[in-house]
């Protein structure tokens, strides 16, 4: 498999991601899922996964966390947050949040999946729950467990997994998108092929589920025009 970036950058990328989550959750008292959702929604996750050097090795975890909030809310809110919180610049222990980012980065690099694809299969909070016992094991054992979980859950359509991650019922998704609930059911049950859905439907789903249009496509096919 061709990796998105050279393994020479992997260790730094793992440490940066771990420090980012550690900062957001422990220093800034943010909800892990909420912050990670911003990391995905701003597109910074994709830039990180594709190996943008300025993100992998050019920023500390604190700076990366700040960038996520800046992209999500604007510079004023991010600077205000910095001014009103005491930041621990040096942390010597590895928190569950640090390990979550550290381990997830390895698995994303190894698997080649997008962060959003991993999230649809194994949510960030579930990865954190794997801290015990995997933080004491070789990272490859964690990776093997992630492969197993992802394989088990591949039977569901991406639409269904993303809807579940967004904590929406089919009815709620229908109300948010204006797409008939029966059509949603047909896509989720593979009675209709979402790869042949109109671009408008894919856009409506992506907007409601806070994902990219291509994240809805099955088996790597390109979105319909």
N, C-alpha and C. Protein backbone atom coordinates (compact mmCIF):
# COMPACT_ATOMS: atom_id res chain seq x y z
N UNK A 1 0.84 -1.20 0.00
CA UNK A 1 0.00 0.00 0.00
C UNK A 1 0.88 1.25 0.00
N UNK A 2 0.54 2.23 -0.82
CA UNK A 2 1.25 3.49 -0.85
C UNK A 2 0.78 4.38 0.29
N UNK A 3 1.70 4.81 1.15
CA UNK A 3 1.35 5.66 2.27
C UNK A 3 1.26 7.11 1.84
N UNK A 4 0.46 7.87 2.56
CA UNK A 4 0.27 9.28 2.21
C UNK A 4 1.51 10.10 2.49
N UNK A 5 2.31 9.66 3.46
CA UNK A 5 3.55 10.38 3.75
C UNK A 5 4.60 9.39 4.26
N UNK A 6 5.84 9.82 4.20
CA UNK A 6 6.98 8.97 4.52
C UNK A 6 6.96 8.58 6.01
N UNK A 7 7.32 7.35 6.35
CA UNK A 7 7.32 6.94 7.75
C UNK A 7 8.24 7.75 8.64
N UNK A 8 9.17 8.47 8.04
CA UNK A 8 10.06 9.30 8.85
C UNK A 8 9.29 10.36 9.62
N UNK A 9 8.10 10.75 9.11
CA UNK A 9 7.28 11.76 9.76
C UNK A 9 6.25 11.16 10.72
N UNK A 10 6.14 9.85 10.74
CA UNK A 10 5.04 9.22 11.47
C UNK A 10 5.13 9.46 12.97
N UNK A 11 6.28 9.28 13.56
CA UNK A 11 6.41 9.45 15.01
C UNK A 11 6.01 10.86 15.44
N UNK A 12 6.47 11.86 14.70
CA UNK A 12 6.12 13.24 15.03
C UNK A 12 4.62 13.46 14.84
N UNK A 13 4.06 12.91 13.77
CA UNK A 13 2.62 13.06 13.53
C UNK A 13 1.82 12.44 14.67
N UNK A 14 2.23 11.28 15.15
CA UNK A 14 1.54 10.61 16.25
C UNK A 14 1.59 11.46 17.52
N UNK A 15 2.75 12.03 17.80
CA UNK A 15 2.90 12.85 19.01
C UNK A 15 2.11 14.15 18.91
N UNK A 16 2.09 14.73 17.72
CA UNK A 16 1.34 15.98 17.53
C UNK A 16 -0.16 15.76 17.72
N UNK A 17 -0.67 14.69 17.12
CA UNK A 17 -2.09 14.37 17.24
C UNK A 17 -2.46 14.05 18.69
N UNK A 18 -1.61 13.29 19.37
CA UNK A 18 -1.87 12.98 20.76
C UNK A 18 -1.91 14.23 21.62
N UNK A 19 -0.96 15.11 21.40
CA UNK A 19 -0.91 16.35 22.16
C UNK A 19 -2.10 17.25 21.84
N UNK A 20 -2.55 17.24 20.60
CA UNK A 20 -3.72 18.04 20.21
C UNK A 20 -4.95 17.65 21.02
N UNK A 21 -5.24 16.34 21.08
CA UNK A 21 -6.42 15.88 21.82
C UNK A 21 -6.24 16.10 23.32
N UNK A 22 -5.04 15.89 23.80
CA UNK A 22 -4.74 16.11 25.21
C UNK A 22 -5.01 17.57 25.58
N UNK A 23 -4.56 18.49 24.75
CA UNK A 23 -4.76 19.91 25.00
C UNK A 23 -6.24 20.28 25.00
N UNK A 24 -6.95 19.82 23.98
CA UNK A 24 -8.36 20.20 23.84
C UNK A 24 -9.21 19.68 24.99
N UNK A 25 -8.96 18.43 25.41
CA UNK A 25 -9.82 17.80 26.41
C UNK A 25 -9.37 18.15 27.83
N UNK A 26 -8.09 18.03 28.13
CA UNK A 26 -7.62 18.21 29.50
C UNK A 26 -7.32 19.67 29.84
N UNK A 27 -6.75 20.41 28.90
CA UNK A 27 -6.43 21.81 29.18
C UNK A 27 -7.62 22.74 28.95
N UNK A 28 -8.36 22.47 27.88
CA UNK A 28 -9.46 23.36 27.51
C UNK A 28 -10.82 22.83 27.93
N UNK A 29 -10.84 21.63 28.52
CA UNK A 29 -12.08 21.05 29.04
C UNK A 29 -13.16 20.91 27.96
N UNK A 30 -12.76 20.57 26.75
CA UNK A 30 -13.70 20.34 25.67
C UNK A 30 -14.10 18.88 25.62
N UNK A 31 -15.30 18.61 25.13
CA UNK A 31 -15.75 17.25 24.92
C UNK A 31 -14.95 16.63 23.77
N UNK A 32 -14.48 15.41 23.97
CA UNK A 32 -13.63 14.77 22.97
C UNK A 32 -14.34 14.65 21.63
N UNK A 33 -15.57 14.16 21.63
CA UNK A 33 -16.31 13.98 20.38
C UNK A 33 -16.56 15.32 19.69
N UNK A 34 -16.90 16.34 20.48
CA UNK A 34 -17.20 17.65 19.89
C UNK A 34 -15.95 18.24 19.23
N UNK A 35 -14.83 18.18 19.93
CA UNK A 35 -13.61 18.74 19.35
C UNK A 35 -13.17 17.95 18.13
N UNK A 36 -13.22 16.62 18.24
CA UNK A 36 -12.80 15.80 17.10
C UNK A 36 -13.72 16.03 15.91
N UNK A 37 -14.99 16.28 16.17
CA UNK A 37 -15.91 16.62 15.08
C UNK A 37 -15.47 17.87 14.35
N UNK A 38 -14.94 18.86 15.08
CA UNK A 38 -14.43 20.08 14.45
C UNK A 38 -13.17 19.77 13.63
N UNK A 39 -12.33 18.91 14.15
CA UNK A 39 -11.12 18.49 13.43
C UNK A 39 -11.49 17.90 12.07
N UNK A 40 -12.56 17.11 12.04
CA UNK A 40 -13.03 16.52 10.78
C UNK A 40 -13.71 17.57 9.90
N UNK A 41 -14.60 18.36 10.49
CA UNK A 41 -15.44 19.27 9.71
C UNK A 41 -14.64 20.39 9.06
N UNK A 42 -13.57 20.83 9.69
CA UNK A 42 -12.78 21.93 9.13
C UNK A 42 -11.90 21.50 7.97
N UNK A 43 -11.76 20.19 7.77
CA UNK A 43 -10.88 19.70 6.71
C UNK A 43 -9.44 19.54 7.14
N UNK A 44 -9.13 19.92 8.38
CA UNK A 44 -7.76 19.79 8.86
C UNK A 44 -7.37 18.32 8.97
N UNK A 45 -8.35 17.47 9.29
CA UNK A 45 -8.07 16.02 9.37
C UNK A 45 -7.58 15.49 8.03
N UNK A 46 -8.22 15.90 6.94
CA UNK A 46 -7.80 15.43 5.62
C UNK A 46 -6.40 15.95 5.28
N UNK A 47 -6.15 17.20 5.58
CA UNK A 47 -4.83 17.78 5.30
C UNK A 47 -3.75 17.05 6.09
N UNK A 48 -4.06 16.71 7.32
CA UNK A 48 -3.13 15.97 8.18
C UNK A 48 -2.88 14.58 7.59
N UNK A 49 -3.96 13.90 7.21
CA UNK A 49 -3.84 12.53 6.67
C UNK A 49 -3.08 12.50 5.35
N UNK A 50 -3.24 13.56 4.55
CA UNK A 50 -2.55 13.60 3.26
C UNK A 50 -1.09 13.97 3.40
N UNK A 51 -0.66 14.32 4.61
CA UNK A 51 0.76 14.54 4.84
C UNK A 51 1.23 15.96 4.67
N UNK A 52 0.36 16.94 4.92
CA UNK A 52 0.77 18.34 4.81
C UNK A 52 1.85 18.61 5.86
N UNK A 53 3.04 18.92 5.40
CA UNK A 53 4.19 19.00 6.29
C UNK A 53 4.01 20.03 7.40
N UNK A 54 3.36 21.14 7.09
CA UNK A 54 3.16 22.18 8.09
C UNK A 54 2.32 21.70 9.27
N UNK A 55 1.47 20.70 9.04
CA UNK A 55 0.65 20.16 10.12
C UNK A 55 1.33 18.99 10.81
N UNK A 56 1.98 18.13 10.04
CA UNK A 56 2.61 16.94 10.62
C UNK A 56 3.79 17.29 11.52
N UNK A 57 4.64 18.17 11.04
CA UNK A 57 5.88 18.45 11.76
C UNK A 57 6.09 19.91 12.06
N UNK A 58 5.24 20.77 11.50
CA UNK A 58 5.46 22.21 11.64
C UNK A 58 4.72 22.84 12.81
N UNK A 59 3.86 22.07 13.49
CA UNK A 59 3.09 22.63 14.59
C UNK A 59 3.14 21.70 15.80
N UNK A 60 3.05 22.30 16.96
CA UNK A 60 2.87 21.51 18.17
C UNK A 60 1.42 21.08 18.26
N UNK A 61 1.14 20.17 19.18
CA UNK A 61 -0.25 19.76 19.37
C UNK A 61 -1.12 20.92 19.80
N UNK A 62 -0.58 21.80 20.65
CA UNK A 62 -1.32 22.98 21.08
C UNK A 62 -1.64 23.88 19.89
N UNK A 63 -0.66 24.08 19.02
CA UNK A 63 -0.88 24.92 17.85
C UNK A 63 -1.90 24.30 16.90
N UNK A 64 -1.86 22.98 16.77
CA UNK A 64 -2.82 22.31 15.89
C UNK A 64 -4.23 22.42 16.47
N UNK A 65 -4.37 22.25 17.78
CA UNK A 65 -5.67 22.41 18.42
C UNK A 65 -6.19 23.83 18.24
N UNK A 66 -5.30 24.82 18.36
CA UNK A 66 -5.69 26.21 18.16
C UNK A 66 -6.15 26.45 16.73
N UNK A 67 -5.46 25.83 15.77
CA UNK A 67 -5.84 25.98 14.37
C UNK A 67 -7.23 25.43 14.12
N UNK A 68 -7.55 24.30 14.74
CA UNK A 68 -8.88 23.72 14.57
C UNK A 68 -9.95 24.70 15.03
N UNK A 69 -9.74 25.32 16.20
CA UNK A 69 -10.74 26.26 16.71
C UNK A 69 -10.78 27.54 15.87
N UNK A 70 -9.63 27.97 15.39
CA UNK A 70 -9.60 29.15 14.53
C UNK A 70 -10.38 28.91 13.25
N UNK A 71 -10.16 27.75 12.63
CA UNK A 71 -10.88 27.42 11.39
C UNK A 71 -12.37 27.25 11.65
N UNK A 72 -12.72 26.73 12.83
CA UNK A 72 -14.13 26.46 13.12
C UNK A 72 -14.89 27.71 13.54
N UNK A 73 -14.25 28.56 14.36
CA UNK A 73 -14.99 29.66 14.98
C UNK A 73 -14.46 31.05 14.64
N UNK A 74 -13.24 31.12 14.13
CA UNK A 74 -12.67 32.42 13.84
C UNK A 74 -11.60 32.78 14.86
N UNK A 75 -10.71 33.67 14.46
CA UNK A 75 -9.55 34.01 15.29
C UNK A 75 -9.93 34.60 16.63
N UNK A 76 -10.97 35.43 16.68
CA UNK A 76 -11.31 36.12 17.93
C UNK A 76 -11.66 35.13 19.04
N UNK A 77 -12.51 34.15 18.71
CA UNK A 77 -12.91 33.19 19.71
C UNK A 77 -11.73 32.35 20.18
N UNK A 78 -10.87 31.97 19.23
CA UNK A 78 -9.72 31.14 19.59
C UNK A 78 -8.77 31.88 20.50
N UNK A 79 -8.49 33.17 20.20
CA UNK A 79 -7.59 33.95 21.03
C UNK A 79 -8.18 34.18 22.41
N UNK A 80 -9.50 34.40 22.45
CA UNK A 80 -10.17 34.59 23.73
C UNK A 80 -10.03 33.35 24.59
N UNK A 81 -10.15 32.19 23.97
CA UNK A 81 -10.02 30.94 24.69
C UNK A 81 -8.62 30.80 25.26
N UNK A 82 -7.63 31.14 24.48
CA UNK A 82 -6.25 31.05 24.95
C UNK A 82 -6.02 31.93 26.16
N UNK A 83 -6.60 33.13 26.15
CA UNK A 83 -6.34 34.09 27.21
C UNK A 83 -6.99 33.72 28.53
N UNK A 84 -8.02 32.88 28.50
CA UNK A 84 -8.80 32.60 29.69
C UNK A 84 -8.55 31.22 30.28
N UNK A 85 -7.57 30.52 29.76
CA UNK A 85 -7.28 29.18 30.27
C UNK A 85 -5.79 29.05 30.60
N UNK A 86 -5.52 28.29 31.63
CA UNK A 86 -4.14 28.02 31.98
C UNK A 86 -3.68 26.81 31.19
N UNK A 87 -2.68 26.99 30.36
CA UNK A 87 -2.21 25.92 29.49
C UNK A 87 -0.99 25.24 30.11
N UNK A 88 -1.05 23.94 30.23
CA UNK A 88 0.10 23.19 30.70
C UNK A 88 1.00 22.89 29.51
N UNK A 89 2.10 23.61 29.40
CA UNK A 89 2.95 23.49 28.23
C UNK A 89 3.75 22.20 28.23
N UNK A 90 4.03 21.69 29.40
CA UNK A 90 4.83 20.47 29.48
C UNK A 90 4.06 19.40 30.24
N UNK A 91 3.68 18.32 29.55
CA UNK A 91 3.00 17.21 30.19
C UNK A 91 3.88 15.97 30.07
N UNK A 92 4.12 15.35 31.17
CA UNK A 92 5.06 14.24 31.16
C UNK A 92 4.35 12.88 31.17
N UNK A 93 3.06 12.88 31.52
CA UNK A 93 2.32 11.63 31.48
C UNK A 93 1.55 11.55 30.18
N UNK A 94 1.19 10.34 29.78
CA UNK A 94 0.39 10.14 28.58
C UNK A 94 -1.04 9.83 28.99
N UNK A 95 -1.90 10.78 28.80
CA UNK A 95 -3.30 10.61 29.17
C UNK A 95 -3.99 9.68 28.17
N UNK A 96 -5.19 9.16 28.52
CA UNK A 96 -5.95 8.38 27.54
C UNK A 96 -6.22 9.17 26.26
N UNK A 97 -6.43 10.49 26.39
CA UNK A 97 -6.66 11.31 25.21
C UNK A 97 -5.41 11.40 24.35
N UNK A 98 -4.27 11.57 25.00
CA UNK A 98 -3.01 11.60 24.24
C UNK A 98 -2.83 10.27 23.49
N UNK A 99 -3.00 9.17 24.21
CA UNK A 99 -2.84 7.86 23.58
C UNK A 99 -3.81 7.68 22.43
N UNK A 100 -5.04 8.16 22.59
CA UNK A 100 -6.06 8.03 21.53
C UNK A 100 -5.58 8.67 20.24
N UNK A 101 -5.10 9.90 20.32
CA UNK A 101 -4.60 10.58 19.12
C UNK A 101 -3.35 9.92 18.57
N UNK A 102 -2.47 9.53 19.46
CA UNK A 102 -1.21 8.88 19.07
C UNK A 102 -1.48 7.58 18.33
N UNK A 103 -2.33 6.73 18.89
CA UNK A 103 -2.62 5.42 18.29
C UNK A 103 -3.45 5.55 17.03
N UNK A 104 -4.43 6.45 17.05
CA UNK A 104 -5.29 6.65 15.88
C UNK A 104 -4.49 7.10 14.67
N UNK A 105 -3.51 7.96 14.90
CA UNK A 105 -2.67 8.44 13.80
C UNK A 105 -1.92 7.29 13.15
N UNK A 106 -1.42 6.39 13.98
CA UNK A 106 -0.72 5.22 13.42
C UNK A 106 -1.67 4.39 12.57
N UNK A 107 -2.87 4.13 13.09
CA UNK A 107 -3.81 3.29 12.35
C UNK A 107 -4.25 3.96 11.06
N UNK A 108 -4.48 5.25 11.09
CA UNK A 108 -4.88 5.96 9.87
C UNK A 108 -3.79 5.86 8.83
N UNK A 109 -2.54 6.06 9.24
CA UNK A 109 -1.41 5.98 8.31
C UNK A 109 -1.28 4.57 7.75
N UNK A 110 -1.39 3.58 8.62
CA UNK A 110 -1.21 2.19 8.19
C UNK A 110 -2.35 1.74 7.27
N UNK A 111 -3.59 2.07 7.62
CA UNK A 111 -4.75 1.58 6.88
C UNK A 111 -5.02 2.35 5.60
N UNK A 112 -4.62 3.63 5.57
CA UNK A 112 -4.92 4.46 4.41
C UNK A 112 -6.35 4.97 4.39
N UNK A 113 -7.14 4.68 5.43
CA UNK A 113 -8.50 5.19 5.51
C UNK A 113 -8.48 6.67 5.89
N UNK A 114 -9.52 7.40 5.50
CA UNK A 114 -9.67 8.77 5.97
C UNK A 114 -10.07 8.74 7.44
N UNK A 115 -9.73 9.79 8.16
CA UNK A 115 -10.15 9.87 9.56
C UNK A 115 -11.67 9.77 9.67
N UNK A 116 -12.39 10.37 8.74
CA UNK A 116 -13.86 10.32 8.79
C UNK A 116 -14.38 8.91 8.54
N UNK A 117 -13.69 8.15 7.70
CA UNK A 117 -14.09 6.76 7.47
C UNK A 117 -13.88 5.92 8.73
N UNK A 118 -12.77 6.13 9.40
CA UNK A 118 -12.53 5.42 10.65
C UNK A 118 -13.58 5.81 11.68
N UNK A 119 -13.88 7.09 11.75
CA UNK A 119 -14.86 7.57 12.72
C UNK A 119 -16.23 6.94 12.50
N UNK A 120 -16.59 6.74 11.24
CA UNK A 120 -17.89 6.14 10.93
C UNK A 120 -17.96 4.69 11.40
N UNK A 121 -16.82 4.03 11.48
CA UNK A 121 -16.78 2.62 11.90
C UNK A 121 -16.49 2.47 13.38
N UNK A 122 -15.51 3.23 13.86
CA UNK A 122 -15.10 3.15 15.27
C UNK A 122 -14.98 4.58 15.79
N UNK A 123 -16.00 5.10 16.45
CA UNK A 123 -15.98 6.49 16.93
C UNK A 123 -14.82 6.77 17.87
N UNK A 124 -14.44 8.02 17.93
CA UNK A 124 -13.27 8.43 18.70
C UNK A 124 -13.40 8.04 20.18
N UNK A 125 -14.62 8.10 20.73
CA UNK A 125 -14.79 7.73 22.13
C UNK A 125 -14.58 6.23 22.35
N UNK A 126 -14.91 5.44 21.35
CA UNK A 126 -14.67 3.99 21.46
C UNK A 126 -13.18 3.70 21.40
N UNK A 127 -12.47 4.46 20.56
CA UNK A 127 -11.02 4.29 20.51
C UNK A 127 -10.41 4.62 21.86
N UNK A 128 -10.89 5.70 22.48
CA UNK A 128 -10.38 6.04 23.81
C UNK A 128 -10.65 4.92 24.81
N UNK A 129 -11.78 4.24 24.67
CA UNK A 129 -12.10 3.15 25.59
C UNK A 129 -11.14 1.97 25.44
N UNK A 130 -10.41 1.92 24.34
CA UNK A 130 -9.43 0.84 24.13
C UNK A 130 -8.10 1.12 24.84
N UNK A 131 -8.01 2.28 25.47
CA UNK A 131 -6.78 2.64 26.19
C UNK A 131 -6.34 1.51 27.12
N UNK A 132 -7.31 0.97 27.84
CA UNK A 132 -7.04 -0.23 28.64
C UNK A 132 -7.56 -1.44 27.86
N UNK A 133 -6.73 -2.39 27.50
CA UNK A 133 -5.34 -2.56 27.91
C UNK A 133 -4.32 -2.17 26.83
N UNK A 134 -4.76 -1.59 25.71
CA UNK A 134 -3.88 -1.51 24.55
C UNK A 134 -2.74 -0.50 24.71
N UNK A 135 -2.85 0.44 25.65
CA UNK A 135 -1.75 1.40 25.79
C UNK A 135 -0.48 0.74 26.30
N UNK A 136 -0.62 -0.45 26.88
CA UNK A 136 0.56 -1.17 27.38
C UNK A 136 1.08 -2.18 26.36
N UNK A 137 0.43 -2.27 25.21
CA UNK A 137 0.81 -3.26 24.20
C UNK A 137 1.53 -2.59 23.03
N UNK A 138 2.10 -3.42 22.19
CA UNK A 138 2.69 -2.92 20.95
C UNK A 138 1.60 -2.28 20.10
N UNK A 139 1.92 -1.18 19.44
CA UNK A 139 0.93 -0.46 18.64
C UNK A 139 0.31 -1.35 17.57
N UNK A 140 1.03 -2.35 17.11
CA UNK A 140 0.50 -3.24 16.07
C UNK A 140 -0.67 -4.09 16.59
N UNK A 141 -0.70 -4.34 17.89
CA UNK A 141 -1.83 -5.08 18.46
C UNK A 141 -3.09 -4.21 18.46
N UNK A 142 -2.92 -2.92 18.76
CA UNK A 142 -4.05 -2.00 18.64
C UNK A 142 -4.52 -1.94 17.20
N UNK A 143 -3.59 -1.88 16.27
CA UNK A 143 -3.94 -1.81 14.86
C UNK A 143 -4.71 -3.05 14.42
N UNK A 144 -4.28 -4.21 14.90
CA UNK A 144 -4.99 -5.45 14.58
C UNK A 144 -6.42 -5.41 15.10
N UNK A 145 -6.61 -4.88 16.30
CA UNK A 145 -7.95 -4.78 16.87
C UNK A 145 -8.82 -3.82 16.06
N UNK A 146 -8.23 -2.72 15.61
CA UNK A 146 -8.97 -1.77 14.78
C UNK A 146 -9.37 -2.40 13.45
N UNK A 147 -8.47 -3.16 12.86
CA UNK A 147 -8.80 -3.87 11.62
C UNK A 147 -9.98 -4.81 11.85
N UNK A 148 -9.96 -5.50 12.98
CA UNK A 148 -11.04 -6.45 13.28
C UNK A 148 -12.37 -5.71 13.44
N UNK A 149 -12.37 -4.64 14.19
CA UNK A 149 -13.61 -3.88 14.40
C UNK A 149 -14.14 -3.32 13.08
N UNK A 150 -13.24 -2.79 12.27
CA UNK A 150 -13.67 -2.21 10.99
C UNK A 150 -14.26 -3.29 10.07
N UNK A 151 -13.63 -4.45 10.03
CA UNK A 151 -14.15 -5.53 9.19
C UNK A 151 -15.55 -5.96 9.65
N UNK A 152 -15.74 -6.06 10.95
CA UNK A 152 -17.04 -6.48 11.49
C UNK A 152 -18.15 -5.51 11.09
N UNK A 153 -17.82 -4.23 10.97
CA UNK A 153 -18.84 -3.21 10.77
C UNK A 153 -19.01 -2.78 9.32
N UNK A 154 -18.24 -3.39 8.44
CA UNK A 154 -18.32 -3.02 7.04
C UNK A 154 -19.64 -3.42 6.40
N UNK A 155 -20.39 -4.34 7.05
CA UNK A 155 -21.64 -4.81 6.44
C UNK A 155 -22.68 -3.70 6.37
N UNK A 156 -22.65 -2.75 7.27
CA UNK A 156 -23.56 -1.61 7.21
C UNK A 156 -23.12 -0.65 6.10
N UNK A 157 -24.08 0.00 5.47
CA UNK A 157 -23.73 1.01 4.48
C UNK A 157 -23.08 2.19 5.18
N UNK A 158 -22.32 2.95 4.44
CA UNK A 158 -21.69 4.13 5.01
C UNK A 158 -22.74 5.14 5.46
N UNK A 159 -23.82 5.24 4.70
CA UNK A 159 -24.89 6.16 5.09
C UNK A 159 -25.42 5.79 6.48
N UNK A 160 -25.67 4.52 6.70
CA UNK A 160 -26.21 4.09 8.00
C UNK A 160 -25.22 4.35 9.12
N UNK A 161 -23.93 4.06 8.88
CA UNK A 161 -22.93 4.27 9.92
C UNK A 161 -22.78 5.75 10.24
N UNK A 162 -22.76 6.60 9.21
CA UNK A 162 -22.61 8.03 9.44
C UNK A 162 -23.84 8.61 10.13
N UNK A 163 -25.00 8.09 9.78
CA UNK A 163 -26.23 8.56 10.45
C UNK A 163 -26.19 8.17 11.93
N UNK A 164 -25.77 6.94 12.22
CA UNK A 164 -25.68 6.49 13.60
C UNK A 164 -24.67 7.33 14.38
N UNK A 165 -23.53 7.63 13.75
CA UNK A 165 -22.51 8.46 14.40
C UNK A 165 -23.06 9.85 14.71
N UNK A 166 -23.88 10.39 13.80
CA UNK A 166 -24.48 11.70 14.01
C UNK A 166 -25.64 11.66 15.00
N UNK A 167 -25.97 10.46 15.49
CA UNK A 167 -27.05 10.27 16.46
C UNK A 167 -28.40 10.74 15.91
N UNK A 168 -28.65 10.41 14.65
CA UNK A 168 -29.90 10.78 14.00
C UNK A 168 -30.70 9.53 13.66
N UNK A 169 -31.99 9.56 13.88
CA UNK A 169 -32.86 8.51 13.37
C UNK A 169 -33.08 8.74 11.88
N UNK A 170 -33.62 7.75 11.21
CA UNK A 170 -33.95 7.93 9.80
C UNK A 170 -34.95 9.07 9.62
N UNK A 171 -35.91 9.17 10.53
CA UNK A 171 -36.90 10.25 10.46
C UNK A 171 -36.23 11.61 10.62
N UNK A 172 -35.31 11.71 11.57
CA UNK A 172 -34.62 12.99 11.79
C UNK A 172 -33.78 13.37 10.58
N UNK A 173 -33.13 12.38 9.97
CA UNK A 173 -32.33 12.67 8.78
C UNK A 173 -33.22 13.11 7.63
N UNK A 174 -34.37 12.49 7.51
CA UNK A 174 -35.33 12.89 6.46
C UNK A 174 -35.78 14.33 6.67
N UNK A 175 -36.01 14.71 7.92
CA UNK A 175 -36.44 16.08 8.21
C UNK A 175 -35.34 17.09 7.92
N UNK A 176 -34.09 16.72 8.21
CA UNK A 176 -32.97 17.64 7.99
C UNK A 176 -32.65 17.82 6.51
N UNK A 177 -32.85 16.76 5.73
CA UNK A 177 -32.46 16.80 4.32
C UNK A 177 -33.61 17.06 3.36
N UNK A 178 -34.83 16.76 3.80
CA UNK A 178 -35.96 16.83 2.88
C UNK A 178 -36.06 15.63 1.96
N UNK A 179 -35.21 14.63 2.20
CA UNK A 179 -35.24 13.39 1.41
C UNK A 179 -36.23 12.43 2.06
N UNK A 180 -37.12 11.81 1.30
CA UNK A 180 -38.13 10.93 1.89
C UNK A 180 -37.51 9.83 2.74
N UNK A 181 -38.13 9.52 3.86
CA UNK A 181 -37.61 8.50 4.76
C UNK A 181 -37.54 7.14 4.06
N UNK A 182 -38.49 6.86 3.17
CA UNK A 182 -38.46 5.60 2.44
C UNK A 182 -37.22 5.51 1.56
N UNK A 183 -36.82 6.61 0.96
CA UNK A 183 -35.62 6.63 0.13
C UNK A 183 -34.38 6.37 0.98
N UNK A 184 -34.34 6.98 2.16
CA UNK A 184 -33.22 6.74 3.07
C UNK A 184 -33.15 5.27 3.45
N UNK A 185 -34.29 4.68 3.76
CA UNK A 185 -34.34 3.26 4.10
C UNK A 185 -33.83 2.40 2.94
N UNK A 186 -34.22 2.75 1.74
CA UNK A 186 -33.79 1.97 0.57
C UNK A 186 -32.29 2.07 0.36
N UNK A 187 -31.71 3.25 0.57
CA UNK A 187 -30.26 3.38 0.46
C UNK A 187 -29.57 2.56 1.55
N UNK A 188 -30.07 2.62 2.78
CA UNK A 188 -29.42 1.92 3.88
C UNK A 188 -29.55 0.40 3.75
N UNK A 189 -30.62 -0.06 3.12
CA UNK A 189 -30.84 -1.50 2.93
C UNK A 189 -30.31 -1.99 1.59
N UNK A 190 -29.64 -1.09 0.86
CA UNK A 190 -29.07 -1.38 -0.45
C UNK A 190 -30.13 -1.79 -1.48
N UNK A 191 -31.38 -1.41 -1.26
CA UNK A 191 -32.41 -1.58 -2.28
C UNK A 191 -32.23 -0.55 -3.39
N UNK A 192 -31.60 0.57 -3.04
CA UNK A 192 -31.16 1.55 -4.02
C UNK A 192 -29.66 1.74 -3.83
N UNK A 193 -28.97 2.01 -4.94
CA UNK A 193 -27.52 2.18 -4.92
C UNK A 193 -27.18 3.65 -4.70
N UNK A 194 -26.61 3.96 -3.54
CA UNK A 194 -26.29 5.35 -3.26
C UNK A 194 -25.21 5.89 -4.19
N UNK A 195 -24.43 4.99 -4.80
CA UNK A 195 -23.43 5.44 -5.76
C UNK A 195 -24.07 6.06 -7.00
N UNK A 196 -25.36 5.78 -7.21
CA UNK A 196 -26.08 6.35 -8.34
C UNK A 196 -27.01 7.48 -7.92
N UNK A 197 -26.89 7.89 -6.66
CA UNK A 197 -27.72 8.99 -6.17
C UNK A 197 -27.33 10.29 -6.86
N UNK A 198 -28.27 11.19 -6.95
CA UNK A 198 -27.98 12.49 -7.55
C UNK A 198 -26.99 13.26 -6.70
N UNK A 199 -26.28 14.16 -7.34
CA UNK A 199 -25.34 15.00 -6.60
C UNK A 199 -26.04 15.81 -5.52
N UNK A 200 -27.28 16.22 -5.79
CA UNK A 200 -28.04 16.99 -4.81
C UNK A 200 -28.33 16.18 -3.57
N UNK A 201 -28.72 14.92 -3.75
CA UNK A 201 -28.97 14.05 -2.60
C UNK A 201 -27.68 13.86 -1.78
N UNK A 202 -26.58 13.59 -2.46
CA UNK A 202 -25.31 13.39 -1.76
C UNK A 202 -24.91 14.65 -0.99
N UNK A 203 -25.13 15.80 -1.60
CA UNK A 203 -24.80 17.06 -0.93
C UNK A 203 -25.66 17.26 0.31
N UNK A 204 -26.95 16.94 0.20
CA UNK A 204 -27.86 17.10 1.34
C UNK A 204 -27.48 16.15 2.48
N UNK A 205 -27.15 14.91 2.13
CA UNK A 205 -26.72 13.96 3.15
C UNK A 205 -25.42 14.44 3.81
N UNK A 206 -24.47 14.85 3.00
CA UNK A 206 -23.16 15.27 3.53
C UNK A 206 -23.31 16.46 4.46
N UNK A 207 -24.15 17.41 4.09
CA UNK A 207 -24.37 18.58 4.92
C UNK A 207 -25.01 18.21 6.26
N UNK A 208 -25.99 17.32 6.22
CA UNK A 208 -26.69 16.92 7.44
C UNK A 208 -25.82 16.07 8.35
N UNK A 209 -24.92 15.28 7.76
CA UNK A 209 -24.11 14.34 8.53
C UNK A 209 -22.70 14.84 8.80
N UNK A 210 -22.43 16.07 8.36
CA UNK A 210 -21.13 16.68 8.62
C UNK A 210 -19.98 15.83 8.10
N UNK A 211 -20.12 15.39 6.85
CA UNK A 211 -19.09 14.56 6.23
C UNK A 211 -18.89 15.03 4.79
N UNK A 212 -18.02 14.39 4.08
CA UNK A 212 -17.81 14.70 2.66
C UNK A 212 -18.71 13.82 1.82
N UNK A 213 -19.06 14.29 0.62
CA UNK A 213 -19.91 13.50 -0.26
C UNK A 213 -19.29 12.14 -0.55
N UNK A 214 -17.98 12.10 -0.75
CA UNK A 214 -17.34 10.83 -1.09
C UNK A 214 -17.34 9.84 0.07
N UNK A 215 -17.54 10.33 1.30
CA UNK A 215 -17.61 9.42 2.44
C UNK A 215 -18.86 8.56 2.41
N UNK A 216 -19.86 8.95 1.61
CA UNK A 216 -21.11 8.21 1.51
C UNK A 216 -21.05 7.10 0.46
N UNK A 217 -20.04 7.17 -0.40
CA UNK A 217 -19.97 6.26 -1.53
C UNK A 217 -19.45 4.89 -1.10
N UNK A 218 -20.08 3.83 -1.63
CA UNK A 218 -19.69 2.46 -1.31
C UNK A 218 -18.61 1.96 -2.27
N UNK A 219 -17.67 1.19 -1.73
CA UNK A 219 -16.64 0.49 -2.51
C UNK A 219 -15.77 1.40 -3.34
N UNK A 220 -15.56 2.61 -2.86
CA UNK A 220 -14.60 3.50 -3.50
C UNK A 220 -15.03 4.09 -4.81
N UNK A 221 -16.30 3.95 -5.20
CA UNK A 221 -16.74 4.54 -6.46
C UNK A 221 -16.83 6.04 -6.36
N UNK A 222 -16.79 6.71 -7.50
CA UNK A 222 -16.87 8.17 -7.51
C UNK A 222 -18.32 8.60 -7.42
N UNK A 223 -18.60 9.78 -6.83
CA UNK A 223 -19.96 10.28 -6.74
C UNK A 223 -20.56 10.49 -8.10
N UNK A 224 -21.89 10.32 -8.19
CA UNK A 224 -22.60 10.57 -9.45
C UNK A 224 -22.67 12.05 -9.72
N UNK A 225 -22.78 12.43 -10.99
CA UNK A 225 -22.94 13.83 -11.35
C UNK A 225 -24.41 14.23 -11.28
